[in-house]
Protein backbone atom coordinates (compact mmCIF):
# COMPACT_ATOMS: atom_id res chain seq x y z
CA UNK A 1 -0.03 -0.04 -0.14
CA UNK A 2 1.29 3.43 -0.79
CA UNK A 3 2.54 5.22 2.33
CA UNK A 4 5.03 7.81 1.14
CA UNK A 5 6.10 10.10 -1.82
CA UNK A 6 9.49 10.89 -1.80
CA UNK A 7 10.89 14.02 -3.77
CA UNK A 8 14.13 15.17 -5.29
CA UNK A 9 13.97 19.03 -5.11
CA UNK A 10 15.83 20.83 -7.88
CA UNK A 11 13.91 20.10 -11.32
CA UNK A 12 11.31 18.06 -9.58
CA UNK A 13 9.44 20.45 -6.93
CA UNK A 14 10.58 23.50 -8.58
CA UNK A 15 12.10 24.12 -11.92
CA UNK A 16 15.31 25.78 -10.59
CA UNK A 17 18.03 24.51 -13.08
CA UNK A 18 18.12 28.20 -14.82
CA UNK A 19 19.03 29.89 -11.82
CA UNK A 20 21.70 27.14 -10.87
CA UNK A 21 23.00 27.41 -14.43
CA UNK A 22 23.39 31.31 -13.78
CA UNK A 23 24.90 30.77 -10.21
CA UNK A 24 27.51 28.53 -11.51
CA UNK A 25 28.36 31.05 -14.66
CA UNK A 26 28.60 33.83 -11.99
CA UNK A 27 31.09 32.06 -9.94
CA UNK A 28 33.14 30.02 -12.50
CA UNK A 29 33.07 32.43 -15.43
CA UNK A 30 36.06 34.20 -13.86
CA UNK A 31 37.94 31.00 -13.69
CA UNK A 32 37.67 30.57 -17.28
CA UNK A 33 34.92 27.96 -17.11
CA UNK A 34 32.09 28.39 -19.79
CA UNK A 35 28.59 27.11 -18.20
CA UNK A 36 26.26 26.48 -21.13
CA UNK A 37 23.46 23.99 -21.47
CA UNK A 38 25.71 20.97 -22.50
CA UNK A 39 28.03 21.46 -19.47
CA UNK A 40 25.07 21.87 -17.23
CA UNK A 41 23.25 18.69 -18.37
CA UNK A 42 26.35 16.60 -18.75
CA UNK A 43 28.61 17.70 -15.60
CA UNK A 44 26.10 19.43 -13.21
CA UNK A 45 22.57 18.21 -13.33
CA UNK A 46 22.08 15.73 -10.42
CA UNK A 47 25.61 15.43 -9.29
CA UNK A 48 27.00 16.63 -6.03
CA UNK A 49 29.07 19.71 -5.53
CA UNK A 50 32.24 17.74 -4.78
CA UNK A 51 31.75 15.83 -8.12
CA UNK A 52 30.92 19.04 -9.93
CA UNK A 53 33.82 21.14 -8.98
CA UNK A 54 36.23 18.19 -9.13
CA UNK A 55 35.22 17.89 -12.60
CA UNK A 56 35.19 21.59 -13.72
CA UNK A 57 38.24 22.87 -11.61
CA UNK A 58 40.57 19.76 -11.83
CA UNK A 59 43.56 21.92 -10.97
CA UNK A 60 42.33 23.19 -7.65
CA UNK A 61 42.41 21.72 -4.39
CA UNK A 62 39.51 19.92 -2.56
CA UNK A 63 39.46 22.91 -0.02
CA UNK A 64 39.30 25.47 -2.97
CA UNK A 65 36.53 23.38 -4.53
CA UNK A 66 34.50 23.63 -1.18
CA UNK A 67 35.04 27.39 -1.29
CA UNK A 68 33.83 27.57 -4.69
CA UNK A 69 30.79 25.55 -3.75
CA UNK A 70 29.93 27.95 -0.84
CA UNK A 71 30.15 30.70 -3.19
CA UNK A 72 27.83 29.04 -5.57
CA UNK A 73 25.12 28.02 -3.25
CA UNK A 74 25.29 31.62 -1.70
CA UNK A 75 24.70 33.04 -5.28
CA UNK A 76 21.94 30.77 -5.98
CA UNK A 77 20.14 31.75 -2.85
CA UNK A 78 20.66 35.22 -3.67
CA UNK A 79 19.24 34.70 -7.23
CA UNK A 80 16.43 32.33 -6.37
CA UNK A 81 13.84 34.57 -5.19
CA UNK A 82 10.90 34.10 -7.51
CA UNK A 83 10.60 30.43 -7.90
CA UNK A 84 7.31 28.61 -8.26
CA UNK A 85 6.26 25.17 -7.51
CA UNK A 86 6.02 22.70 -10.31
CA UNK A 87 2.45 22.79 -11.82
CA UNK A 88 0.17 20.23 -9.69
CA UNK A 89 2.44 20.17 -6.82
CA UNK A 90 0.16 21.85 -4.40
CA UNK A 91 -2.68 19.84 -5.23
CA UNK A 92 -0.50 16.60 -5.01
CA UNK A 93 0.53 17.59 -1.73
CA UNK A 94 -3.10 18.00 -0.39
CA UNK A 95 -4.15 14.80 -1.83
CA UNK A 96 -1.38 13.06 0.11
CA UNK A 97 -2.36 14.77 3.29
CA UNK A 98 -6.03 13.84 2.78
CA UNK A 99 -4.76 10.17 2.26
CA UNK A 100 -2.66 10.25 5.32
CA UNK A 101 0.52 9.55 2.93
CA UNK A 102 3.90 10.90 4.19
CA UNK A 103 5.86 13.16 2.15
CA UNK A 104 9.72 13.25 2.03
CA UNK A 105 12.52 15.20 0.42
CA UNK A 106 15.81 13.59 -0.75
CA UNK A 107 18.13 15.99 -2.32
CA UNK A 108 21.98 16.41 -2.96
CA UNK A 109 21.60 20.25 -2.05
CA UNK A 110 22.66 21.59 1.36
CA UNK A 111 20.21 22.29 4.02
CA UNK A 112 20.66 25.94 3.60
CA UNK A 113 19.13 25.71 0.03
CA UNK A 114 16.48 23.05 0.89
CA UNK A 115 15.25 25.37 3.62
CA UNK A 116 15.49 28.50 1.24
CA UNK A 117 13.72 26.73 -1.57
CA UNK A 118 10.96 24.97 0.29
CA UNK A 119 10.28 28.45 2.04
CA UNK A 120 10.09 30.32 -1.41
CA UNK A 121 7.48 27.70 -3.12
CA UNK A 122 5.41 27.73 0.39
CA UNK A 123 5.90 24.02 1.03
CA UNK A 124 8.31 24.02 4.00
CA UNK A 125 5.97 22.61 6.41
CA UNK A 126 4.67 19.73 4.08
CA UNK A 127 7.73 17.56 4.46
CA UNK A 128 7.88 14.96 7.36
CA UNK A 129 11.28 13.77 6.49
CA UNK A 130 14.10 15.97 4.60
CA UNK A 131 17.42 14.33 3.87
CA UNK A 132 19.82 16.58 2.46
CA UNK A 133 23.59 16.21 1.53
CA UNK A 134 24.67 16.93 5.31
CA UNK A 135 22.75 13.81 6.51
CA UNK A 136 24.82 11.30 4.38
CA UNK A 137 28.26 10.28 3.86
CA UNK A 138 27.41 9.42 0.01
CA UNK A 139 25.14 11.56 -2.04
CA UNK A 140 23.17 10.54 -5.11
CA UNK A 141 23.87 8.45 -7.27
CA UNK A 142 24.36 6.11 -4.30
CA UNK A 143 21.07 4.92 -3.05
CA UNK A 144 22.01 5.90 0.49
CA UNK A 145 19.75 9.04 0.86
CA UNK A 146 16.55 7.25 -0.21
CA UNK A 147 17.51 4.46 2.02
CA UNK A 148 17.82 7.02 4.73
CA UNK A 149 14.75 8.68 3.90
CA UNK A 150 13.11 5.17 3.90
CA UNK A 151 14.48 4.26 7.40
CA UNK A 152 13.30 7.54 8.65
CA UNK A 153 9.80 6.86 7.48
CA UNK A 154 9.76 3.54 8.88
CA UNK A 155 8.57 2.13 5.54
CA UNK A 156 9.90 -0.29 2.75
CA UNK A 157 10.65 0.71 -0.80
CA UNK A 158 7.70 -0.95 -2.01
CA UNK A 159 5.36 1.35 0.03
CA UNK A 160 6.72 4.60 -1.65
CA UNK A 161 7.13 6.47 -4.86
CA UNK A 162 10.01 8.48 -5.88
CA UNK A 163 10.19 11.50 -8.41
CA UNK A 164 13.51 12.35 -9.85
CA UNK A 165 14.69 14.57 -12.96
CA UNK A 166 18.33 13.44 -13.25
CA UNK A 167 20.10 10.23 -14.24
CA UNK A 168 22.16 10.09 -11.09
CA UNK A 169 18.92 10.82 -8.99
CA UNK A 170 17.17 8.08 -10.96
CA UNK A 171 19.99 5.46 -10.22
CA UNK A 172 19.76 6.41 -6.68
CA UNK A 173 16.01 5.83 -6.36
CA UNK A 174 16.05 2.73 -8.43
CA UNK A 175 19.03 1.42 -6.43
CA UNK A 176 16.97 1.97 -3.43
CA UNK A 177 13.99 -0.20 -4.97
CA UNK A 178 11.68 2.47 -5.37
CA UNK A 179 9.00 2.79 -8.19
CA UNK A 180 10.17 6.16 -9.81
CA UNK A 181 8.62 8.81 -11.96
CA UNK A 182 10.99 10.64 -14.21
CA UNK A 183 10.39 14.39 -14.30
CA UNK A 184 10.60 15.93 -17.81
CA UNK A 185 11.89 19.25 -16.71
CA UNK A 186 15.44 18.88 -17.98
CA UNK A 187 15.88 15.60 -20.02
CA UNK A 188 13.94 13.90 -22.69
CA UNK A 189 11.67 10.91 -22.22
CA UNK A 190 14.28 8.64 -23.73
CA UNK A 191 17.15 9.91 -21.39
CA UNK A 192 15.20 9.62 -18.26
CA UNK A 193 13.90 6.49 -19.02
CA UNK A 194 17.34 5.08 -20.15
CA UNK A 195 18.41 6.13 -16.50
CA UNK A 196 15.48 3.81 -15.15
CA UNK A 197 12.29 5.66 -14.81
CA UNK A 198 9.22 3.52 -14.54
CA UNK A 199 6.94 6.33 -15.90
CA UNK A 200 7.63 9.82 -17.20
CA UNK A 201 5.30 12.99 -16.34
CA UNK A 202 5.80 16.62 -17.45
CA UNK A 203 4.22 18.03 -14.20
CA UNK A 204 1.99 16.88 -11.32
CA UNK A 205 -1.11 17.10 -12.95
CA UNK A 206 -0.13 14.47 -15.83
CA UNK A 207 -2.73 11.57 -15.98
CA UNK A 208 -0.09 9.11 -15.94
CA UNK A 209 0.59 10.05 -12.46
CA UNK A 210 -2.82 9.73 -11.14
CA UNK A 211 -3.45 6.42 -12.61
CA UNK A 212 -0.60 5.08 -10.66
CA UNK A 213 -1.57 6.79 -7.38
CA UNK A 214 -5.12 5.59 -7.65
CA UNK A 215 -4.07 1.97 -8.52
CA UNK A 216 -1.47 2.09 -5.48
CA UNK A 217 -3.85 3.72 -3.04
CA UNK A 218 -6.20 0.80 -3.61
CA UNK A 219 -3.73 -1.97 -3.25
């Protein structure tokens, strides 16, 4: 029986990728690193900051990577002031609440970003469990963040559904054994399906989502 919905954040709850791209460009431009759509899709989306800065600034030290990451996240929070929840999210969260279904967040973002973004889109109090990068020793694509959320919720993977928009996030969700929807906010149907998505949806109004939810709630 369906007991929980577990959401990634960036590109899933909110289409924040353009703001992240802008923040990366602002911080890394002076270092001679060009951040375009190709670089963003291949080296940034769904990756941890540790991985991103090691890839984009290979000649810098780990401590320098950490400093750049802090600058980038601060720039993101400064720029991310007018975000809106993905279409249908408030209605989905209301439905989950009416059915007694828990809602959880699993993100590679730091807690400061999660707190900022959830507040901006008005859903900060809706999540029973929040797993951010500080809560785990390994971020996505490792399944540990999702396994941590399941443990905190006190449920098995078969009782939850995940929502992801990136290959690394999808790998993490599927590695934890979750039925997973691929969000088409940044990738094509083919790309996110190849990463393991069980179904794909454009937003939370998509009939494909509600067919599965109604089926699971009756199980």
